Each structure stands twice: as C-alpha cells, then as structure tokens.
Amino acid sequence: MKKGIRKFRRQIELQIFALLGIGYLILFSFIPMFGIVIGFKAYKITSGIEGIFTSPWVGLKYFREFFTDYRFGELLRNTIVLSSLKMLFAFPIPIILAILISECRNAPFKRLIQTASYLPNFISWVLVCGISTALFSQKSGVINQLLIRIGVIDSGIPFLTDPNRFWGLAVVLSIWKSSGWWAIIFLAAISGIDSTLYEAASIDGAGRLKRIYHITLPGIRGSIVTVLILSIGSFLGGGMVGSNFEQSFLMGNSANNAKSEIIQTYAFKMGMAQGRFAYATAVDLIQSCISIVLVIVSNIIVRKVADEGIF
C-alpha cells in the first residue's frame, strides 16, 4: 500500500492527466447514457430533467415507428452505401500514403508532404463545405468555370445538387481531409520496425516492393487490424473518417436529399427541429447497438483469421 502511494506521488503529474481524462469520459460519455431511457418513454422537453423519470413508459413504440417509417429503407441505404464507399476507399489510402512517405529518401520533400497531407484535418467541415461550394458550384464554381473556358463542357455540372454525385463528392472530400492524419499512425508503426530487417532483405536481393510486402506490411499488421476494427465499430458514422453527419447535414439540400439524408441527420432533425427527443433517442440507440455488434463481430472474425484483435 505504501509502495503504491509513493509511486503515485512520483507520478503525480501523469496521474493528474489520466484522472482528467477519466473525469472527461465519465462526465460526457457515461453520465449522459442515463438519458437513453427516454427512448422508451413518452418524454417531452417541457418536462425537464424530472420528465426523464416521471414520463410514462411506451416500450418499443418509437423503435417500431422508425422501422415502419416510409423513409426507413432510403435512410438505411444511404447510410450503408456512404459508409461502405468510405471504408472501401478511405481505409487503404492512409496505409499507402504512409508507406510512400516512409520510402521517400528526400528529407525536405518528405516533411513537406507530411505537413501538406495532415493539415486538412485541422480544417472544420464547415470550412471544407464552404471551400467545396466555391470549387464545385454550378454557376460560379472554379472547377466549372475552368472546364467551360477550356471548352470541355458547355454549362456547369451540378456537383452539389445532383443526388447521383453526392456520394462520390463526399468520399473524395473525406479522403482529402483525413488521410494524412491517419497516415501518422501507420508511419509511427513503420518507424518501429527493426531497420536491420530491411538491410538483410536488401543484401539478399529483395527489391523495394518485396521489402514492403514481406517486412513493412506484416510489421504494421497490428496497427492495421486495430484501426480496421475501430473503423468497423464506427461504420455507420463514416468509419475512420467519421464525417457522415457533418457532410450530410452541411452539404445536403432539397435537391440531393434522396442520397444525402442518413440516419444521423434524420435523428437530429427529428429531435432538434420537431422536438421529438424520445423518438430521436430511439433512432440513435438503434445505430449505437448496431455499432457495438459490428465491433464484437469484427474482432471475433479478425482473431480467427489473423490472430489479432483489440480485446
């Protein structure tokens, strides 16, 4: 006991940081979970906090209402397709980028690429959507104006209003914004690989591609598996790029609503715009339960296939 106290005192600065992090999680992640109960009650915002406990129970009424909603199929399709496209294209690109950066031997150019690739991560989605409007607007967008001037098209392309172009534009913007930041994780994993392995492989005549395939990729397999499982867990929210709600809410409009409306934006509008907080809670709870199942299933599959996992 005394040893533990002495150790705690020696690490007091680190312990304070850890306790602050734990306090943050408890305050903003665990305590709000008590509000989940309103998804099973006829709760109204006018009831205040007391209404969480005093509102009458309605059971699974709101869950059934969501599953029978005429837009349920469309919302589910949009959410799954948008998330699947991001998982398919956004997941491998940071790995490829990290490998390319690690293989670069020009130090100044390497630093330039690293900085330029992860800076977009610090730009808010509000600004990104503003930039995309300036670039892709049908009438005044830079891209359309350039294409018209060089004679490629006669009139502007409706990038921002055409439902069939929303998914592609959302994926491209997500990759541009997040790839550099996620590449840092894989670069850190690559830096931990024993350099003598590369030297030995070079002596044996292995080329750059063979060294990448037989040394780099196996060396960062643990990081890839961890990021993959976490991405699958947040699959419905956009995976590792995690931007489905921001993009759909900020870039969605009445013209592309058929492809831009997802479960998250639907729940937000039901709760904030229509004041149906109990119904919105039930919708979000469905999504959270699906995410938990995805994490558990993906971890089990990865453990059986690659003997890796996060728990």
C-alpha atoms as a PDB file:
ATOM      1  CA  MET A   1       0.000   0.000   0.000  1.00  0.00           C
ATOM      2  CA  LYS A   2       2.767   2.425   0.955  1.00  0.00           C
ATOM      3  CA  LYS A   3       4.688   1.495  -2.188  1.00  0.00           C
ATOM      4  CA  GLY A   4       1.633   2.314  -4.289  1.00  0.00           C
ATOM      5  CA  ILE A   5       1.206   5.692  -2.589  1.00  0.00           C
ATOM      6  CA  ARG A   6       4.883   6.569  -3.107  1.00  0.00           C
ATOM      7  CA  LYS A   7       4.667   5.548  -6.759  1.00  0.00           C
ATOM      8  CA  PHE A   8       1.522   7.644  -7.167  1.00  0.00           C
ATOM      9  CA  ARG A   9       3.287  10.689  -5.700  1.00  0.00           C
ATOM     10  CA  ARG A  10       6.267  10.248  -8.012  1.00  0.00           C
ATOM     11  CA  GLN A  11       3.904  10.141 -10.987  1.00  0.00           C
ATOM     12  CA  ILE A  12       1.541  12.832  -9.739  1.00  0.00           C
ATOM     13  CA  GLU A  13       1.682  14.896 -12.969  1.00  0.00           C
ATOM     14  CA  LEU A  14       0.902  11.880 -15.155  1.00  0.00           C
ATOM     15  CA  GLN A  15      -1.784  10.709 -12.734  1.00  0.00           C
ATOM     16  CA  ILE A  16      -3.491  14.118 -12.891  1.00  0.00           C
ATOM     17  CA  PHE A  17      -3.602  13.930 -16.694  1.00  0.00           C
ATOM     18  CA  ALA A  18      -5.053  10.416 -16.508  1.00  0.00           C
ATOM     19  CA  LEU A  19      -7.654  11.423 -13.910  1.00  0.00           C
ATOM     20  CA  LEU A  20      -8.693  14.412 -16.003  1.00  0.00           C
ATOM     21  CA  GLY A  21      -9.215  12.102 -18.988  1.00  0.00           C
ATOM     22  CA  ILE A  22     -11.231   9.666 -16.892  1.00  0.00           C
ATOM     23  CA  GLY A  23     -13.304  12.543 -15.500  1.00  0.00           C
ATOM     24  CA  TYR A  24     -13.983  13.791 -19.022  1.00  0.00           C
ATOM     25  CA  LEU A  25     -15.211  10.354 -20.121  1.00  0.00           C
ATOM     26  CA  ILE A  26     -17.422   9.975 -17.055  1.00  0.00           C
ATOM     27  CA  LEU A  27     -18.916  13.456 -17.425  1.00  0.00           C
ATOM     28  CA  PHE A  28     -19.536  13.488 -21.183  1.00  0.00           C
ATOM     29  CA  SER A  29     -19.772   9.783 -22.112  1.00  0.00           C
ATOM     30  CA  PHE A  30     -21.094   7.742 -19.195  1.00  0.00           C
ATOM     31  CA  ILE A  31     -23.422  10.104 -17.282  1.00  0.00           C
ATOM     32  CA  PRO A  32     -25.361  11.110 -20.445  1.00  0.00           C
ATOM     33  CA  MET A  33     -26.086   7.416 -21.049  1.00  0.00           C
ATOM     34  CA  PHE A  34     -28.784   7.620 -18.371  1.00  0.00           C
ATOM     35  CA  GLY A  35     -30.750   9.679 -20.889  1.00  0.00           C
ATOM     36  CA  ILE A  36     -31.147   6.601 -23.106  1.00  0.00           C
ATOM     37  CA  VAL A  37     -34.196   5.731 -21.030  1.00  0.00           C
ATOM     38  CA  ILE A  38     -36.227   8.463 -22.745  1.00  0.00           C
ATOM     39  CA  GLY A  39     -36.203   6.337 -25.903  1.00  0.00           C
ATOM     40  CA  PHE A  40     -38.637   4.065 -24.077  1.00  0.00           C
ATOM     41  CA  LYS A  41     -40.793   6.836 -22.609  1.00  0.00           C
ATOM     42  CA  ALA A  42     -43.271   9.443 -23.828  1.00  0.00           C
ATOM     43  CA  TYR A  43     -40.820  12.184 -22.918  1.00  0.00           C
ATOM     44  CA  LYS A  44     -41.333  15.850 -23.778  1.00  0.00           C
ATOM     45  CA  ILE A  45     -38.698  18.555 -23.472  1.00  0.00           C
ATOM     46  CA  THR A  46     -41.112  20.712 -21.479  1.00  0.00           C
ATOM     47  CA  SER A  47     -40.964  18.089 -18.705  1.00  0.00           C
ATOM     48  CA  GLY A  48     -37.346  18.983 -17.979  1.00  0.00           C
ATOM     49  CA  ILE A  49     -34.936  16.607 -16.255  1.00  0.00           C
ATOM     50  CA  GLU A  50     -37.700  15.323 -13.980  1.00  0.00           C
ATOM     51  CA  GLY A  51     -39.568  14.104 -17.026  1.00  0.00           C
ATOM     52  CA  ILE A  52     -36.833  11.529 -17.662  1.00  0.00           C
ATOM     53  CA  PHE A  53     -38.021   9.707 -14.540  1.00  0.00           C
ATOM     54  CA  THR A  54     -41.721  10.657 -14.444  1.00  0.00           C
ATOM     55  CA  SER A  55     -42.736  10.276 -18.117  1.00  0.00           C
ATOM     56  CA  PRO A  56     -44.915   7.213 -18.845  1.00  0.00           C
ATOM     57  CA  TRP A  57     -43.306   4.149 -20.433  1.00  0.00           C
ATOM     58  CA  VAL A  58     -44.170   3.379 -24.057  1.00  0.00           C
ATOM     59  CA  GLY A  59     -41.877   0.373 -24.538  1.00  0.00           C
ATOM     60  CA  LEU A  60     -40.698  -0.199 -28.113  1.00  0.00           C
ATOM     61  CA  LYS A  61     -43.218   2.179 -29.690  1.00  0.00           C
ATOM     62  CA  TYR A  62     -40.639   4.540 -31.217  1.00  0.00           C
ATOM     63  CA  PHE A  63     -38.473   1.677 -32.447  1.00  0.00           C
ATOM     64  CA  ARG A  64     -41.411   0.171 -34.305  1.00  0.00           C
ATOM     65  CA  GLU A  65     -42.317   3.587 -35.666  1.00  0.00           C
ATOM     66  CA  PHE A  66     -38.840   4.051 -37.118  1.00  0.00           C
ATOM     67  CA  PHE A  67     -38.724   0.594 -38.706  1.00  0.00           C
ATOM     68  CA  THR A  68     -42.120   1.179 -40.335  1.00  0.00           C
ATOM     69  CA  ASP A  69     -41.349   4.739 -41.458  1.00  0.00           C
ATOM     70  CA  TYR A  70     -41.705   5.133 -45.235  1.00  0.00           C
ATOM     71  CA  ARG A  71     -38.164   6.578 -45.417  1.00  0.00           C
ATOM     72  CA  PHE A  72     -36.515   3.813 -43.393  1.00  0.00           C
ATOM     73  CA  GLY A  73     -35.266   1.889 -46.444  1.00  0.00           C
ATOM     74  CA  GLU A  74     -33.877   5.031 -48.074  1.00  0.00           C
ATOM     75  CA  LEU A  75     -32.142   6.186 -44.885  1.00  0.00           C
ATOM     76  CA  LEU A  76     -30.604   2.764 -44.286  1.00  0.00           C
ATOM     77  CA  ARG A  77     -29.424   2.515 -47.889  1.00  0.00           C
ATOM     78  CA  ASN A  78     -27.833   5.973 -47.856  1.00  0.00           C
ATOM     79  CA  THR A  79     -26.084   5.325 -44.537  1.00  0.00           C
ATOM     80  CA  ILE A  80     -24.718   1.914 -45.521  1.00  0.00           C
ATOM     81  CA  VAL A  81     -23.653   2.859 -49.059  1.00  0.00           C
ATOM     82  CA  LEU A  82     -21.922   6.085 -47.987  1.00  0.00           C
ATOM     83  CA  SER A  83     -20.115   4.295 -45.141  1.00  0.00           C
ATOM     84  CA  SER A  84     -19.176   1.348 -47.373  1.00  0.00           C
ATOM     85  CA  LEU A  85     -17.672   3.628 -50.021  1.00  0.00           C
ATOM     86  CA  LYS A  86     -15.614   5.409 -47.371  1.00  0.00           C
ATOM     87  CA  MET A  87     -14.456   2.107 -45.876  1.00  0.00           C
ATOM     88  CA  LEU A  88     -13.510   0.797 -49.315  1.00  0.00           C
ATOM     89  CA  PHE A  89     -11.572   3.856 -50.492  1.00  0.00           C
ATOM     90  CA  ALA A  90     -10.632   5.849 -47.378  1.00  0.00           C
ATOM     91  CA  PHE A  91      -9.210   2.952 -45.352  1.00  0.00           C
ATOM     92  CA  PRO A  92      -6.350   1.781 -47.628  1.00  0.00           C
ATOM     93  CA  ILE A  93      -5.204   5.235 -48.759  1.00  0.00           C
ATOM     94  CA  PRO A  94      -3.594   6.279 -45.411  1.00  0.00           C
ATOM     95  CA  ILE A  95      -1.686   2.975 -45.391  1.00  0.00           C
ATOM     96  CA  ILE A  96      -0.435   3.565 -48.938  1.00  0.00           C
ATOM     97  CA  LEU A  97       0.410   7.193 -48.129  1.00  0.00           C
ATOM     98  CA  ALA A  98       2.354   6.181 -45.018  1.00  0.00           C
ATOM     99  CA  ILE A  99       4.365   3.624 -46.976  1.00  0.00           C
ATOM    100  CA  LEU A 100       5.124   6.120 -49.751  1.00  0.00           C
ATOM    101  CA  ILE A 101       6.265   8.736 -47.228  1.00  0.00           C
ATOM    102  CA  SER A 102       8.430   6.227 -45.369  1.00  0.00           C
ATOM    103  CA  GLU A 103      10.079   5.164 -48.631  1.00  0.00           C
ATOM    104  CA  CYS A 104      10.884   8.765 -49.591  1.00  0.00           C
ATOM    105  CA  ARG A 105      14.594   9.491 -49.148  1.00  0.00           C
ATOM    106  CA  ASN A 106      14.431  13.253 -49.781  1.00  0.00           C
ATOM    107  CA  ALA A 107      14.028  14.628 -46.233  1.00  0.00           C
ATOM    108  CA  PRO A 108      12.766  18.174 -47.102  1.00  0.00           C
ATOM    109  CA  PHE A 109      10.257  16.810 -49.625  1.00  0.00           C
ATOM    110  CA  LYS A 110       9.185  14.152 -47.114  1.00  0.00           C
ATOM    111  CA  ARG A 111       8.471  16.781 -44.442  1.00  0.00           C
ATOM    112  CA  LEU A 112       6.588  18.909 -46.974  1.00  0.00           C
ATOM    113  CA  ILE A 113       4.337  16.009 -47.989  1.00  0.00           C
ATOM    114  CA  GLN A 114       3.686  15.044 -44.375  1.00  0.00           C
ATOM    115  CA  THR A 115       2.717  18.594 -43.412  1.00  0.00           C
ATOM    116  CA  ALA A 116       0.597  19.199 -46.504  1.00  0.00           C
ATOM    117  CA  SER A 117      -1.244  15.877 -46.097  1.00  0.00           C
ATOM    118  CA  TYR A 118      -2.295  16.208 -42.454  1.00  0.00           C
ATOM    119  CA  LEU A 119      -3.056  19.953 -42.369  1.00  0.00           C
ATOM    120  CA  PRO A 120      -6.558  19.488 -43.879  1.00  0.00           C
ATOM    121  CA  ASN A 121      -7.505  17.501 -40.756  1.00  0.00           C
ATOM    122  CA  PHE A 122      -7.446  20.754 -38.760  1.00  0.00           C
ATOM    123  CA  ILE A 123      -9.938  22.444 -41.075  1.00  0.00           C
ATOM    124  CA  SER A 124     -13.509  22.182 -39.811  1.00  0.00           C
ATOM    125  CA  TRP A 125     -16.153  20.580 -42.006  1.00  0.00           C
ATOM    126  CA  VAL A 126     -17.936  23.925 -42.137  1.00  0.00           C
ATOM    127  CA  LEU A 127     -14.921  25.424 -43.905  1.00  0.00           C
ATOM    128  CA  VAL A 128     -14.446  22.345 -46.073  1.00  0.00           C
ATOM    129  CA  CYS A 129     -18.049  22.602 -47.268  1.00  0.00           C
ATOM    130  CA  GLY A 130     -17.511  26.318 -47.914  1.00  0.00           C
ATOM    131  CA  ILE A 131     -14.426  25.524 -49.982  1.00  0.00           C
ATOM    132  CA  SER A 132     -16.301  22.819 -51.882  1.00  0.00           C
ATOM    133  CA  THR A 133     -19.062  25.309 -52.675  1.00  0.00           C
ATOM    134  CA  ALA A 134     -16.504  27.754 -54.060  1.00  0.00           C
ATOM    135  CA  LEU A 135     -14.928  24.988 -56.142  1.00  0.00           C
ATOM    136  CA  PHE A 136     -17.946  22.989 -57.330  1.00  0.00           C
ATOM    137  CA  SER A 137     -20.819  25.482 -57.522  1.00  0.00           C
ATOM    138  CA  GLN A 138     -22.700  25.026 -60.793  1.00  0.00           C
ATOM    139  CA  LYS A 139     -22.713  28.725 -61.710  1.00  0.00           C
ATOM    140  CA  SER A 140     -19.680  30.293 -60.049  1.00  0.00           C
ATOM    141  CA  GLY A 141     -17.518  27.326 -59.033  1.00  0.00           C
ATOM    142  CA  VAL A 142     -13.854  27.437 -60.035  1.00  0.00           C
ATOM    143  CA  ILE A 143     -13.946  23.886 -61.484  1.00  0.00           C
ATOM    144  CA  ASN A 144     -16.972  24.542 -63.669  1.00  0.00           C
ATOM    145  CA  GLN A 145     -15.661  27.916 -64.835  1.00  0.00           C
ATOM    146  CA  LEU A 146     -12.341  26.325 -65.800  1.00  0.00           C
ATOM    147  CA  LEU A 147     -13.999  23.458 -67.674  1.00  0.00           C
ATOM    148  CA  ILE A 148     -16.250  25.882 -69.568  1.00  0.00           C
ATOM    149  CA  ARG A 149     -13.346  28.130 -70.559  1.00  0.00           C
ATOM    150  CA  ILE A 150     -11.245  25.292 -71.949  1.00  0.00           C
ATOM    151  CA  GLY A 151     -14.272  24.004 -73.847  1.00  0.00           C
ATOM    152  CA  VAL A 152     -14.755  20.677 -72.057  1.00  0.00           C
ATOM    153  CA  ILE A 153     -18.380  21.469 -71.121  1.00  0.00           C
ATOM    154  CA  ASP A 154     -20.969  23.996 -72.294  1.00  0.00           C
ATOM    155  CA  SER A 155     -22.734  24.523 -68.976  1.00  0.00           C
ATOM    156  CA  GLY A 156     -21.900  23.953 -65.319  1.00  0.00           C
ATOM    157  CA  ILE A 157     -22.110  20.474 -63.800  1.00  0.00           C
ATOM    158  CA  PRO A 158     -24.407  20.322 -60.720  1.00  0.00           C
ATOM    159  CA  PHE A 159     -21.879  18.684 -58.381  1.00  0.00           C
ATOM    160  CA  LEU A 160     -23.610  19.970 -55.243  1.00  0.00           C
ATOM    161  CA  THR A 161     -27.238  19.395 -56.228  1.00  0.00           C
ATOM    162  CA  ASP A 162     -27.145  16.189 -58.279  1.00  0.00           C
ATOM    163  CA  PRO A 163     -28.079  13.272 -55.971  1.00  0.00           C
ATOM    164  CA  ASN A 164     -26.018  10.851 -58.068  1.00  0.00           C
ATOM    165  CA  ARG A 165     -22.832  12.852 -57.420  1.00  0.00           C
ATOM    166  CA  PHE A 166     -23.214  13.344 -53.663  1.00  0.00           C
ATOM    167  CA  TRP A 167     -21.648  10.047 -52.548  1.00  0.00           C
ATOM    168  CA  GLY A 168     -18.608  10.440 -54.798  1.00  0.00           C
ATOM    169  CA  LEU A 169     -18.002  14.028 -53.708  1.00  0.00           C
ATOM    170  CA  ALA A 170     -18.401  13.109 -50.040  1.00  0.00           C
ATOM    171  CA  VAL A 171     -15.851  10.283 -50.317  1.00  0.00           C
ATOM    172  CA  VAL A 172     -13.296  12.440 -52.151  1.00  0.00           C
ATOM    173  CA  LEU A 173     -13.547  15.241 -49.572  1.00  0.00           C
ATOM    174  CA  SER A 174     -13.262  12.747 -46.689  1.00  0.00           C
ATOM    175  CA  ILE A 175     -10.127  11.202 -48.184  1.00  0.00           C
ATOM    176  CA  TRP A 176      -8.554  14.625 -48.751  1.00  0.00           C
ATOM    177  CA  LYS A 177      -9.314  15.768 -45.225  1.00  0.00           C
ATOM    178  CA  SER A 178      -8.449  12.687 -43.173  1.00  0.00           C
ATOM    179  CA  SER A 179      -5.883  10.535 -44.993  1.00  0.00           C
ATOM    180  CA  GLY A 180      -2.809  12.487 -43.880  1.00  0.00           C
ATOM    181  CA  TRP A 181      -3.849  12.412 -40.238  1.00  0.00           C
ATOM    182  CA  TRP A 182      -4.469   8.661 -40.169  1.00  0.00           C
ATOM    183  CA  ALA A 183      -1.200   8.089 -42.033  1.00  0.00           C
ATOM    184  CA  ILE A 184       0.628   9.339 -38.916  1.00  0.00           C
ATOM    185  CA  ILE A 185      -0.474   6.198 -37.022  1.00  0.00           C
ATOM    186  CA  PHE A 186       0.903   3.909 -39.710  1.00  0.00           C
ATOM    187  CA  LEU A 187       4.093   5.971 -40.030  1.00  0.00           C
ATOM    188  CA  ALA A 188       4.649   5.526 -36.296  1.00  0.00           C
ATOM    189  CA  ALA A 189       4.164   1.768 -36.692  1.00  0.00           C
ATOM    190  CA  ILE A 190       6.592   1.678 -39.630  1.00  0.00           C
ATOM    191  CA  SER A 191       9.220   3.573 -37.634  1.00  0.00           C
ATOM    192  CA  GLY A 192       9.067   0.817 -35.009  1.00  0.00           C
ATOM    193  CA  ILE A 193      10.124  -1.893 -37.461  1.00  0.00           C
ATOM    194  CA  ASP A 194      13.699  -3.095 -36.978  1.00  0.00           C
ATOM    195  CA  SER A 195      15.831  -1.466 -39.715  1.00  0.00           C
ATOM    196  CA  THR A 196      18.155  -4.474 -39.808  1.00  0.00           C
ATOM    197  CA  LEU A 197      15.348  -6.459 -41.438  1.00  0.00           C
ATOM    198  CA  TYR A 198      15.431  -4.107 -44.420  1.00  0.00           C
ATOM    199  CA  GLU A 199      19.224  -4.282 -44.576  1.00  0.00           C
ATOM    200  CA  ALA A 200      19.199  -8.064 -44.533  1.00  0.00           C
ATOM    201  CA  ALA A 201      16.496  -8.178 -47.207  1.00  0.00           C
ATOM    202  CA  SER A 202      18.497  -5.785 -49.411  1.00  0.00           C
ATOM    203  CA  ILE A 203      21.611  -7.939 -49.064  1.00  0.00           C
ATOM    204  CA  ASP A 204      19.546 -10.977 -50.101  1.00  0.00           C
ATOM    205  CA  GLY A 205      18.482  -9.102 -53.237  1.00  0.00           C
ATOM    206  CA  ALA A 206      14.937  -8.132 -52.283  1.00  0.00           C
ATOM    207  CA  GLY A 207      13.655  -5.093 -54.177  1.00  0.00           C
ATOM    208  CA  ARG A 208      11.661  -2.230 -52.684  1.00  0.00           C
ATOM    209  CA  LEU A 209       8.265  -3.777 -53.431  1.00  0.00           C
ATOM    210  CA  LYS A 210       9.276  -7.111 -51.910  1.00  0.00           C
ATOM    211  CA  ARG A 211      10.566  -5.358 -48.781  1.00  0.00           C
ATOM    212  CA  ILE A 212       7.271  -3.530 -48.446  1.00  0.00           C
ATOM    213  CA  TYR A 213       5.256  -6.718 -48.938  1.00  0.00           C
ATOM    214  CA  HIS A 214       7.304  -9.009 -46.704  1.00  0.00           C
ATOM    215  CA  ILE A 215       8.509  -6.589 -43.999  1.00  0.00           C
ATOM    216  CA  THR A 216       6.534  -3.328 -43.870  1.00  0.00           C
ATOM    217  CA  LEU A 217       3.005  -4.697 -44.204  1.00  0.00           C
ATOM    218  CA  PRO A 218       3.489  -7.575 -41.708  1.00  0.00           C
ATOM    219  CA  GLY A 219       5.236  -5.121 -39.359  1.00  0.00           C
ATOM    220  CA  ILE A 220       2.232  -2.790 -39.223  1.00  0.00           C
ATOM    221  CA  ARG A 221      -0.421  -5.529 -39.283  1.00  0.00           C
ATOM    222  CA  GLY A 222      -1.336  -4.899 -35.646  1.00  0.00           C
ATOM    223  CA  SER A 223      -1.990  -1.212 -36.299  1.00  0.00           C
ATOM    224  CA  ILE A 224      -3.985  -2.008 -39.433  1.00  0.00           C
ATOM    225  CA  VAL A 225      -6.165  -4.514 -37.557  1.00  0.00           C
ATOM    226  CA  THR A 226      -6.780  -2.111 -34.652  1.00  0.00           C
ATOM    227  CA  VAL A 227      -7.768   0.753 -36.958  1.00  0.00           C
ATOM    228  CA  LEU A 228      -9.917  -1.605 -39.026  1.00  0.00           C
ATOM    229  CA  ILE A 229     -11.876  -2.846 -36.002  1.00  0.00           C
ATOM    230  CA  LEU A 230     -12.396   0.703 -34.708  1.00  0.00           C
ATOM    231  CA  SER A 231     -13.485   1.789 -38.187  1.00  0.00           C
ATOM    232  CA  ILE A 232     -15.996  -1.035 -38.419  1.00  0.00           C
ATOM    233  CA  GLY A 233     -17.302  -0.060 -34.989  1.00  0.00           C
ATOM    234  CA  SER A 234     -17.988   3.456 -36.223  1.00  0.00           C
ATOM    235  CA  PHE A 235     -19.025   2.184 -39.652  1.00  0.00           C
ATOM    236  CA  LEU A 236     -22.459   3.829 -39.653  1.00  0.00           C
ATOM    237  CA  GLY A 237     -20.867   7.162 -38.777  1.00  0.00           C
ATOM    238  CA  GLY A 238     -18.342   7.068 -41.607  1.00  0.00           C
ATOM    239  CA  GLY A 239     -15.661   4.746 -40.275  1.00  0.00           C
ATOM    240  CA  MET A 240     -12.181   6.137 -39.738  1.00  0.00           C
ATOM    241  CA  VAL A 241     -13.041   9.420 -41.493  1.00  0.00           C
ATOM    242  CA  GLY A 242     -16.135   9.780 -39.311  1.00  0.00           C
ATOM    243  CA  SER A 243     -17.777  12.575 -41.261  1.00  0.00           C
ATOM    244  CA  ASN A 244     -21.137  11.227 -42.434  1.00  0.00           C
ATOM    245  CA  PHE A 245     -23.221  13.508 -40.234  1.00  0.00           C
ATOM    246  CA  GLU A 246     -21.233  16.686 -40.916  1.00  0.00           C
ATOM    247  CA  GLN A 247     -21.167  16.129 -44.666  1.00  0.00           C
ATOM    248  CA  SER A 248     -24.802  15.112 -44.982  1.00  0.00           C
ATOM    249  CA  PHE A 249     -26.008  17.937 -42.760  1.00  0.00           C
ATOM    250  CA  LEU A 250     -23.855  20.681 -44.314  1.00  0.00           C
ATOM    251  CA  MET A 251     -23.846  19.552 -47.957  1.00  0.00           C
ATOM    252  CA  GLY A 252     -27.313  18.075 -48.054  1.00  0.00           C
ATOM    253  CA  ASN A 253     -30.118  20.091 -49.637  1.00  0.00           C
ATOM    254  CA  SER A 254     -33.593  19.603 -51.035  1.00  0.00           C
ATOM    255  CA  ALA A 255     -32.159  18.687 -54.441  1.00  0.00           C
ATOM    256  CA  ASN A 256     -29.866  15.865 -53.312  1.00  0.00           C
ATOM    257  CA  ASN A 257     -31.864  14.827 -50.231  1.00  0.00           C
ATOM    258  CA  ALA A 258     -32.672  11.431 -51.723  1.00  0.00           C
ATOM    259  CA  LYS A 259     -28.986  10.465 -51.407  1.00  0.00           C
ATOM    260  CA  SER A 260     -27.704  12.786 -48.663  1.00  0.00           C
ATOM    261  CA  GLU A 261     -30.199  12.090 -45.859  1.00  0.00           C
ATOM    262  CA  ILE A 262     -28.837   9.457 -43.449  1.00  0.00           C
ATOM    263  CA  ILE A 263     -29.952   8.018 -40.112  1.00  0.00           C
ATOM    264  CA  GLN A 264     -27.904  10.528 -38.096  1.00  0.00           C
ATOM    265  CA  THR A 265     -29.258  13.628 -39.831  1.00  0.00           C
ATOM    266  CA  TYR A 266     -32.777  12.176 -39.681  1.00  0.00           C
ATOM    267  CA  ALA A 267     -32.491  11.671 -35.908  1.00  0.00           C
ATOM    268  CA  PHE A 268     -31.037  15.156 -35.466  1.00  0.00           C
ATOM    269  CA  LYS A 269     -33.875  16.785 -37.398  1.00  0.00           C
ATOM    270  CA  MET A 270     -36.495  14.754 -35.551  1.00  0.00           C
ATOM    271  CA  GLY A 271     -35.038  15.823 -32.215  1.00  0.00           C
ATOM    272  CA  MET A 272     -33.995  19.427 -32.776  1.00  0.00           C
ATOM    273  CA  ALA A 273     -36.381  20.583 -35.499  1.00  0.00           C
ATOM    274  CA  GLN A 274     -39.523  18.712 -34.465  1.00  0.00           C
ATOM    275  CA  GLY A 275     -38.833  18.378 -30.745  1.00  0.00           C
ATOM    276  CA  ARG A 276     -39.336  14.606 -30.763  1.00  0.00           C
ATOM    277  CA  PHE A 277     -36.429  13.852 -28.438  1.00  0.00           C
ATOM    278  CA  ALA A 278     -37.717  10.453 -27.342  1.00  0.00           C
ATOM    279  CA  TYR A 279     -38.098   9.279 -30.932  1.00  0.00           C
ATOM    280  CA  ALA A 280     -34.669  10.659 -31.907  1.00  0.00           C
ATOM    281  CA  THR A 281     -33.106   8.881 -28.928  1.00  0.00           C
ATOM    282  CA  ALA A 282     -34.617   5.569 -30.036  1.00  0.00           C
ATOM    283  CA  VAL A 283     -33.249   6.041 -33.570  1.00  0.00           C
ATOM    284  CA  ASP A 284     -29.757   6.834 -32.295  1.00  0.00           C
ATOM    285  CA  LEU A 285     -29.891   3.916 -29.872  1.00  0.00           C
ATOM    286  CA  ILE A 286     -30.590   1.540 -32.766  1.00  0.00           C
ATOM    287  CA  GLN A 287     -27.497   2.838 -34.547  1.00  0.00           C
ATOM    288  CA  SER A 288     -25.369   2.514 -31.396  1.00  0.00           C
ATOM    289  CA  CYS A 289     -26.458  -1.083 -30.831  1.00  0.00           C
ATOM    290  CA  ILE A 290     -25.587  -1.969 -34.422  1.00  0.00           C
ATOM    291  CA  SER A 291     -22.143  -0.392 -33.950  1.00  0.00           C
ATOM    292  CA  ILE A 292     -21.471  -2.447 -30.798  1.00  0.00           C
ATOM    293  CA  VAL A 293     -22.429  -5.642 -32.621  1.00  0.00           C
ATOM    294  CA  LEU A 294     -20.148  -4.723 -35.531  1.00  0.00           C
ATOM    295  CA  VAL A 295     -17.180  -4.191 -33.190  1.00  0.00           C
ATOM    296  CA  ILE A 296     -17.678  -7.549 -31.452  1.00  0.00           C
ATOM    297  CA  VAL A 297     -18.238  -9.498 -34.685  1.00  0.00           C
ATOM    298  CA  SER A 298     -15.300  -7.881 -36.497  1.00  0.00           C
ATOM    299  CA  ASN A 299     -12.998  -8.548 -33.541  1.00  0.00           C
ATOM    300  CA  ILE A 300     -14.037 -12.236 -33.449  1.00  0.00           C
ATOM    301  CA  ILE A 301     -13.506 -12.632 -37.196  1.00  0.00           C
ATOM    302  CA  VAL A 302     -10.092 -10.932 -37.146  1.00  0.00           C
ATOM    303  CA  ARG A 303      -8.973 -13.052 -34.189  1.00  0.00           C
ATOM    304  CA  LYS A 304      -9.848 -16.234 -36.066  1.00  0.00           C
ATOM    305  CA  VAL A 305      -8.338 -15.139 -39.381  1.00  0.00           C
ATOM    306  CA  ALA A 306      -5.253 -13.157 -38.339  1.00  0.00           C
ATOM    307  CA  ASP A 307      -4.896 -13.918 -34.612  1.00  0.00           C
ATOM    308  CA  GLU A 308      -5.107 -10.189 -33.869  1.00  0.00           C
ATOM    309  CA  GLY A 309      -7.690  -8.109 -32.006  1.00  0.00           C
ATOM    310  CA  ILE A 310      -8.339  -5.324 -29.538  1.00  0.00           C
ATOM    311  CA  PHE A 311      -9.917  -7.494 -26.803  1.00  0.00           C
END
